[in-house]
Amino acid sequence: MSSGPGDQLDYRFTLANERTFLAWIRTSLGLLAGGVAVHTLVQPFHHSGLRRVIAVSCIVLAVIVAIGAYRHWRNVEDTMRRGEPLTGTVMVALLAVGIAVVSVLAALAVLFE
């Protein structure tokens, strides 16, 4: 069911959009916690700075995901209000690439320890 500009949206769609936003925020918080844990709890590697690079990569990715989550939530909300079809998001690809990079860095740290 399409809504015109300014019409009240079906609350189910609004709440589904909000749940998706909160899932992205949980992902961001997990990345933030992982970055802090790597920096605080992991013993330093033989290669200087690798632990810090992994931690900072997680934290930067957490910030990007949090900002992207808000922008995506707002975009979906506005698009639904205008009654237009939803567009795709780069968030999934960005998160997949970011986690792949962090994983490769962690694997290198383990292999070259």
N, C-alpha and C. Protein backbone atom coordinates (compact mmCIF):
# COMPACT_ATOMS: atom_id res chain seq x y z
N MET A 1 0.85 -1.18 0.00
CA MET A 1 0.00 0.00 0.00
C MET A 1 0.89 1.23 0.00
N SER A 2 0.68 2.10 -0.94
CA SER A 2 1.52 3.28 -1.10
C SER A 2 0.96 4.46 -0.31
N SER A 3 1.86 5.25 0.21
CA SER A 3 1.47 6.45 0.95
C SER A 3 1.85 7.67 0.14
N GLY A 4 1.06 8.70 0.23
CA GLY A 4 1.40 9.95 -0.39
C GLY A 4 2.29 10.76 0.54
N PRO A 5 2.85 11.86 0.05
CA PRO A 5 3.71 12.69 0.89
C PRO A 5 2.94 13.16 2.13
N GLY A 6 3.52 12.94 3.29
CA GLY A 6 2.93 13.41 4.53
C GLY A 6 1.91 12.47 5.12
N ASP A 7 1.49 11.41 4.37
CA ASP A 7 0.53 10.45 4.91
C ASP A 7 1.17 9.64 6.04
N GLN A 8 0.31 9.14 6.90
CA GLN A 8 0.78 8.28 7.98
C GLN A 8 1.16 6.92 7.39
N LEU A 9 2.37 6.45 7.69
CA LEU A 9 2.82 5.16 7.22
C LEU A 9 2.22 4.04 8.06
N ASP A 10 2.11 2.89 7.44
CA ASP A 10 1.72 1.70 8.19
C ASP A 10 2.80 1.45 9.24
N TYR A 11 2.41 1.37 10.48
CA TYR A 11 3.38 1.27 11.56
C TYR A 11 4.25 0.03 11.44
N ARG A 12 3.78 -1.03 10.80
CA ARG A 12 4.58 -2.24 10.65
C ARG A 12 5.83 -1.98 9.81
N PHE A 13 5.68 -1.16 8.76
CA PHE A 13 6.83 -0.84 7.92
C PHE A 13 7.80 0.08 8.66
N THR A 14 7.26 1.01 9.40
CA THR A 14 8.12 1.91 10.18
C THR A 14 8.90 1.12 11.24
N LEU A 15 8.21 0.21 11.92
CA LEU A 15 8.88 -0.59 12.95
C LEU A 15 9.90 -1.56 12.34
N ALA A 16 9.59 -2.11 11.17
CA ALA A 16 10.55 -2.99 10.49
C ALA A 16 11.80 -2.21 10.11
N ASN A 17 11.63 -0.99 9.64
CA ASN A 17 12.77 -0.13 9.31
C ASN A 17 13.59 0.17 10.57
N GLU A 18 12.90 0.40 11.66
CA GLU A 18 13.59 0.67 12.93
C GLU A 18 14.36 -0.56 13.42
N ARG A 19 13.77 -1.74 13.28
CA ARG A 19 14.46 -2.97 13.69
C ARG A 19 15.72 -3.19 12.86
N THR A 20 15.64 -2.89 11.57
CA THR A 20 16.82 -3.01 10.71
C THR A 20 17.90 -2.04 11.16
N PHE A 21 17.51 -0.81 11.46
CA PHE A 21 18.45 0.19 11.98
C PHE A 21 19.13 -0.32 13.24
N LEU A 22 18.34 -0.86 14.17
CA LEU A 22 18.90 -1.36 15.43
C LEU A 22 19.83 -2.55 15.21
N ALA A 23 19.56 -3.38 14.21
CA ALA A 23 20.47 -4.49 13.89
C ALA A 23 21.81 -3.96 13.41
N TRP A 24 21.77 -2.91 12.58
CA TRP A 24 23.03 -2.29 12.13
C TRP A 24 23.78 -1.67 13.31
N ILE A 25 23.06 -1.06 14.22
CA ILE A 25 23.69 -0.45 15.40
C ILE A 25 24.31 -1.53 16.28
N ARG A 26 23.64 -2.66 16.45
CA ARG A 26 24.23 -3.77 17.22
C ARG A 26 25.51 -4.26 16.56
N THR A 27 25.53 -4.33 15.25
CA THR A 27 26.73 -4.72 14.52
C THR A 27 27.85 -3.72 14.78
N SER A 28 27.50 -2.44 14.73
CA SER A 28 28.48 -1.39 15.00
C SER A 28 29.03 -1.49 16.42
N LEU A 29 28.16 -1.74 17.38
CA LEU A 29 28.62 -1.89 18.77
C LEU A 29 29.52 -3.10 18.93
N GLY A 30 29.21 -4.19 18.22
CA GLY A 30 30.07 -5.37 18.26
C GLY A 30 31.45 -5.09 17.71
N LEU A 31 31.50 -4.36 16.60
CA LEU A 31 32.79 -3.98 16.03
C LEU A 31 33.57 -3.06 16.97
N LEU A 32 32.87 -2.13 17.59
CA LEU A 32 33.52 -1.23 18.55
C LEU A 32 34.09 -2.02 19.72
N ALA A 33 33.29 -2.94 20.26
CA ALA A 33 33.76 -3.78 21.37
C ALA A 33 34.95 -4.63 20.95
N GLY A 34 34.90 -5.17 19.74
CA GLY A 34 36.02 -5.96 19.23
C GLY A 34 37.28 -5.14 19.10
N GLY A 35 37.16 -3.92 18.60
CA GLY A 35 38.33 -3.05 18.47
C GLY A 35 38.94 -2.71 19.82
N VAL A 36 38.09 -2.40 20.78
CA VAL A 36 38.58 -2.08 22.13
C VAL A 36 39.22 -3.32 22.75
N ALA A 37 38.60 -4.49 22.56
CA ALA A 37 39.14 -5.73 23.12
C ALA A 37 40.50 -6.06 22.52
N VAL A 38 40.63 -5.91 21.22
CA VAL A 38 41.93 -6.19 20.58
C VAL A 38 42.99 -5.26 21.13
N HIS A 39 42.67 -4.01 21.26
CA HIS A 39 43.65 -3.05 21.75
C HIS A 39 44.00 -3.29 23.21
N THR A 40 43.02 -3.67 24.01
CA THR A 40 43.22 -3.79 25.45
C THR A 40 43.70 -5.17 25.88
N LEU A 41 43.14 -6.22 25.30
CA LEU A 41 43.36 -7.57 25.83
C LEU A 41 44.39 -8.41 25.07
N VAL A 42 44.58 -8.14 23.80
CA VAL A 42 45.48 -8.97 23.00
C VAL A 42 46.93 -8.56 23.27
N GLN A 43 47.76 -9.57 23.46
CA GLN A 43 49.18 -9.31 23.68
C GLN A 43 49.78 -8.69 22.43
N PRO A 44 50.74 -7.79 22.59
CA PRO A 44 51.37 -7.18 21.40
C PRO A 44 52.00 -8.24 20.49
N PHE A 45 51.86 -8.05 19.19
CA PHE A 45 52.47 -8.94 18.21
C PHE A 45 53.92 -8.53 18.01
N HIS A 46 54.69 -9.43 17.38
CA HIS A 46 56.10 -9.12 17.12
C HIS A 46 56.23 -7.97 16.12
N HIS A 47 55.30 -7.87 15.20
CA HIS A 47 55.32 -6.77 14.23
C HIS A 47 54.65 -5.57 14.87
N SER A 48 55.41 -4.53 15.05
CA SER A 48 54.91 -3.37 15.78
C SER A 48 53.73 -2.73 15.06
N GLY A 49 52.75 -2.39 15.81
CA GLY A 49 51.61 -1.65 15.30
C GLY A 49 50.50 -2.48 14.69
N LEU A 50 50.72 -3.78 14.47
CA LEU A 50 49.69 -4.59 13.83
C LEU A 50 48.44 -4.72 14.70
N ARG A 51 48.64 -4.87 15.99
CA ARG A 51 47.50 -4.93 16.92
C ARG A 51 46.71 -3.63 16.86
N ARG A 52 47.42 -2.51 16.84
CA ARG A 52 46.77 -1.21 16.77
C ARG A 52 46.02 -1.02 15.45
N VAL A 53 46.60 -1.49 14.35
CA VAL A 53 45.93 -1.39 13.04
C VAL A 53 44.63 -2.18 13.04
N ILE A 54 44.66 -3.39 13.61
CA ILE A 54 43.44 -4.20 13.69
C ILE A 54 42.39 -3.50 14.55
N ALA A 55 42.81 -3.00 15.71
CA ALA A 55 41.87 -2.32 16.62
C ALA A 55 41.27 -1.08 15.96
N VAL A 56 42.11 -0.26 15.35
CA VAL A 56 41.62 0.96 14.71
C VAL A 56 40.72 0.62 13.52
N SER A 57 41.05 -0.44 12.78
CA SER A 57 40.20 -0.85 11.66
C SER A 57 38.80 -1.21 12.14
N CYS A 58 38.71 -1.95 13.24
CA CYS A 58 37.41 -2.31 13.81
C CYS A 58 36.64 -1.07 14.25
N ILE A 59 37.33 -0.16 14.90
CA ILE A 59 36.66 1.03 15.42
C ILE A 59 36.21 1.95 14.29
N VAL A 60 37.04 2.12 13.29
CA VAL A 60 36.65 2.95 12.13
C VAL A 60 35.46 2.32 11.41
N LEU A 61 35.49 1.00 11.24
CA LEU A 61 34.37 0.32 10.59
C LEU A 61 33.10 0.47 11.42
N ALA A 62 33.23 0.45 12.75
CA ALA A 62 32.07 0.65 13.63
C ALA A 62 31.45 2.03 13.42
N VAL A 63 32.29 3.05 13.30
CA VAL A 63 31.79 4.41 13.08
C VAL A 63 31.09 4.51 11.72
N ILE A 64 31.71 3.92 10.69
CA ILE A 64 31.12 3.97 9.35
C ILE A 64 29.77 3.26 9.32
N VAL A 65 29.68 2.10 9.98
CA VAL A 65 28.42 1.35 10.01
C VAL A 65 27.34 2.13 10.77
N ALA A 66 27.72 2.76 11.89
CA ALA A 66 26.73 3.53 12.66
C ALA A 66 26.19 4.71 11.85
N ILE A 67 27.06 5.44 11.20
CA ILE A 67 26.63 6.58 10.38
C ILE A 67 25.81 6.09 9.20
N GLY A 68 26.28 5.03 8.54
CA GLY A 68 25.54 4.47 7.41
C GLY A 68 24.18 3.94 7.81
N ALA A 69 24.09 3.37 9.01
CA ALA A 69 22.80 2.87 9.51
C ALA A 69 21.79 4.00 9.66
N TYR A 70 22.23 5.10 10.22
CA TYR A 70 21.32 6.24 10.37
C TYR A 70 20.88 6.78 9.01
N ARG A 71 21.85 6.94 8.11
CA ARG A 71 21.51 7.47 6.78
C ARG A 71 20.55 6.53 6.05
N HIS A 72 20.79 5.22 6.16
CA HIS A 72 19.91 4.26 5.50
C HIS A 72 18.51 4.29 6.12
N TRP A 73 18.43 4.34 7.44
CA TRP A 73 17.13 4.41 8.12
C TRP A 73 16.35 5.64 7.66
N ARG A 74 17.03 6.79 7.63
CA ARG A 74 16.37 8.04 7.23
C ARG A 74 15.95 7.97 5.77
N ASN A 75 16.79 7.42 4.90
CA ASN A 75 16.48 7.31 3.48
C ASN A 75 15.26 6.41 3.26
N VAL A 76 15.21 5.28 3.94
CA VAL A 76 14.07 4.37 3.80
C VAL A 76 12.79 5.04 4.29
N GLU A 77 12.89 5.71 5.44
CA GLU A 77 11.72 6.41 6.00
C GLU A 77 11.18 7.45 5.00
N ASP A 78 12.08 8.26 4.47
CA ASP A 78 11.67 9.30 3.52
C ASP A 78 11.11 8.70 2.23
N THR A 79 11.74 7.64 1.74
CA THR A 79 11.29 6.99 0.51
C THR A 79 9.90 6.39 0.70
N MET A 80 9.67 5.76 1.84
CA MET A 80 8.33 5.19 2.10
C MET A 80 7.28 6.30 2.19
N ARG A 81 7.63 7.40 2.81
CA ARG A 81 6.67 8.52 2.92
C ARG A 81 6.31 9.09 1.55
N ARG A 82 7.27 9.09 0.63
CA ARG A 82 7.00 9.59 -0.71
C ARG A 82 6.29 8.56 -1.58
N GLY A 83 6.20 7.30 -1.09
CA GLY A 83 5.54 6.25 -1.84
C GLY A 83 6.36 5.74 -3.01
N GLU A 84 7.67 5.92 -2.95
CA GLU A 84 8.56 5.49 -4.02
C GLU A 84 9.14 4.11 -3.70
N PRO A 85 9.64 3.42 -4.73
CA PRO A 85 10.28 2.13 -4.47
C PRO A 85 11.59 2.33 -3.68
N LEU A 86 11.88 1.35 -2.84
CA LEU A 86 13.10 1.43 -2.05
C LEU A 86 14.32 1.19 -2.93
N THR A 87 15.39 1.88 -2.63
CA THR A 87 16.64 1.70 -3.35
C THR A 87 17.55 0.77 -2.56
N GLY A 88 18.58 0.29 -3.19
CA GLY A 88 19.54 -0.58 -2.53
C GLY A 88 20.44 0.21 -1.59
N THR A 89 21.30 -0.53 -0.90
CA THR A 89 22.25 0.09 0.01
C THR A 89 23.63 -0.48 -0.22
N VAL A 90 24.64 0.33 0.00
CA VAL A 90 26.02 -0.13 -0.10
C VAL A 90 26.52 -0.68 1.23
N MET A 91 25.67 -0.58 2.26
CA MET A 91 26.07 -0.99 3.61
C MET A 91 26.49 -2.46 3.67
N VAL A 92 25.78 -3.33 3.01
CA VAL A 92 26.09 -4.76 3.08
C VAL A 92 27.47 -5.02 2.48
N ALA A 93 27.71 -4.49 1.30
CA ALA A 93 29.01 -4.67 0.65
C ALA A 93 30.13 -4.03 1.47
N LEU A 94 29.88 -2.85 1.98
CA LEU A 94 30.88 -2.14 2.79
C LEU A 94 31.24 -2.95 4.03
N LEU A 95 30.24 -3.47 4.70
CA LEU A 95 30.49 -4.26 5.90
C LEU A 95 31.24 -5.55 5.55
N ALA A 96 30.85 -6.20 4.47
CA ALA A 96 31.52 -7.45 4.07
C ALA A 96 32.99 -7.19 3.74
N VAL A 97 33.27 -6.15 2.99
CA VAL A 97 34.66 -5.82 2.64
C VAL A 97 35.44 -5.42 3.89
N GLY A 98 34.82 -4.61 4.74
CA GLY A 98 35.50 -4.18 5.97
C GLY A 98 35.85 -5.34 6.87
N ILE A 99 34.93 -6.26 7.05
CA ILE A 99 35.20 -7.42 7.90
C ILE A 99 36.24 -8.33 7.24
N ALA A 100 36.21 -8.44 5.92
CA ALA A 100 37.23 -9.23 5.22
C ALA A 100 38.62 -8.64 5.44
N VAL A 101 38.73 -7.33 5.37
CA VAL A 101 40.02 -6.67 5.60
C VAL A 101 40.51 -6.91 7.02
N VAL A 102 39.63 -6.73 8.00
CA VAL A 102 40.01 -6.97 9.39
C VAL A 102 40.40 -8.42 9.59
N SER A 103 39.69 -9.34 8.96
CA SER A 103 40.01 -10.76 9.07
C SER A 103 41.37 -11.09 8.49
N VAL A 104 41.68 -10.51 7.34
CA VAL A 104 42.99 -10.73 6.72
C VAL A 104 44.10 -10.17 7.62
N LEU A 105 43.89 -8.99 8.18
CA LEU A 105 44.88 -8.42 9.10
C LEU A 105 45.08 -9.32 10.31
N ALA A 106 43.99 -9.84 10.86
CA ALA A 106 44.10 -10.72 12.02
C ALA A 106 44.81 -12.02 11.65
N ALA A 107 44.50 -12.56 10.47
CA ALA A 107 45.17 -13.79 10.03
C ALA A 107 46.66 -13.56 9.84
N LEU A 108 47.03 -12.43 9.26
CA LEU A 108 48.45 -12.10 9.10
C LEU A 108 49.14 -11.97 10.46
N ALA A 109 48.44 -11.36 11.39
CA ALA A 109 49.03 -11.21 12.72
C ALA A 109 49.28 -12.56 13.37
N VAL A 110 48.36 -13.47 13.19
CA VAL A 110 48.52 -14.81 13.77
C VAL A 110 49.62 -15.60 13.05
N LEU A 111 49.63 -15.52 11.72
CA LEU A 111 50.61 -16.28 10.94
C LEU A 111 52.04 -15.80 11.16
N PHE A 112 52.22 -14.51 11.30
CA PHE A 112 53.57 -13.96 11.41
C PHE A 112 53.99 -13.66 12.84
N GLU A 113 53.29 -14.22 13.81
CA GLU A 113 53.64 -13.99 15.20
C GLU A 113 54.91 -14.72 15.54
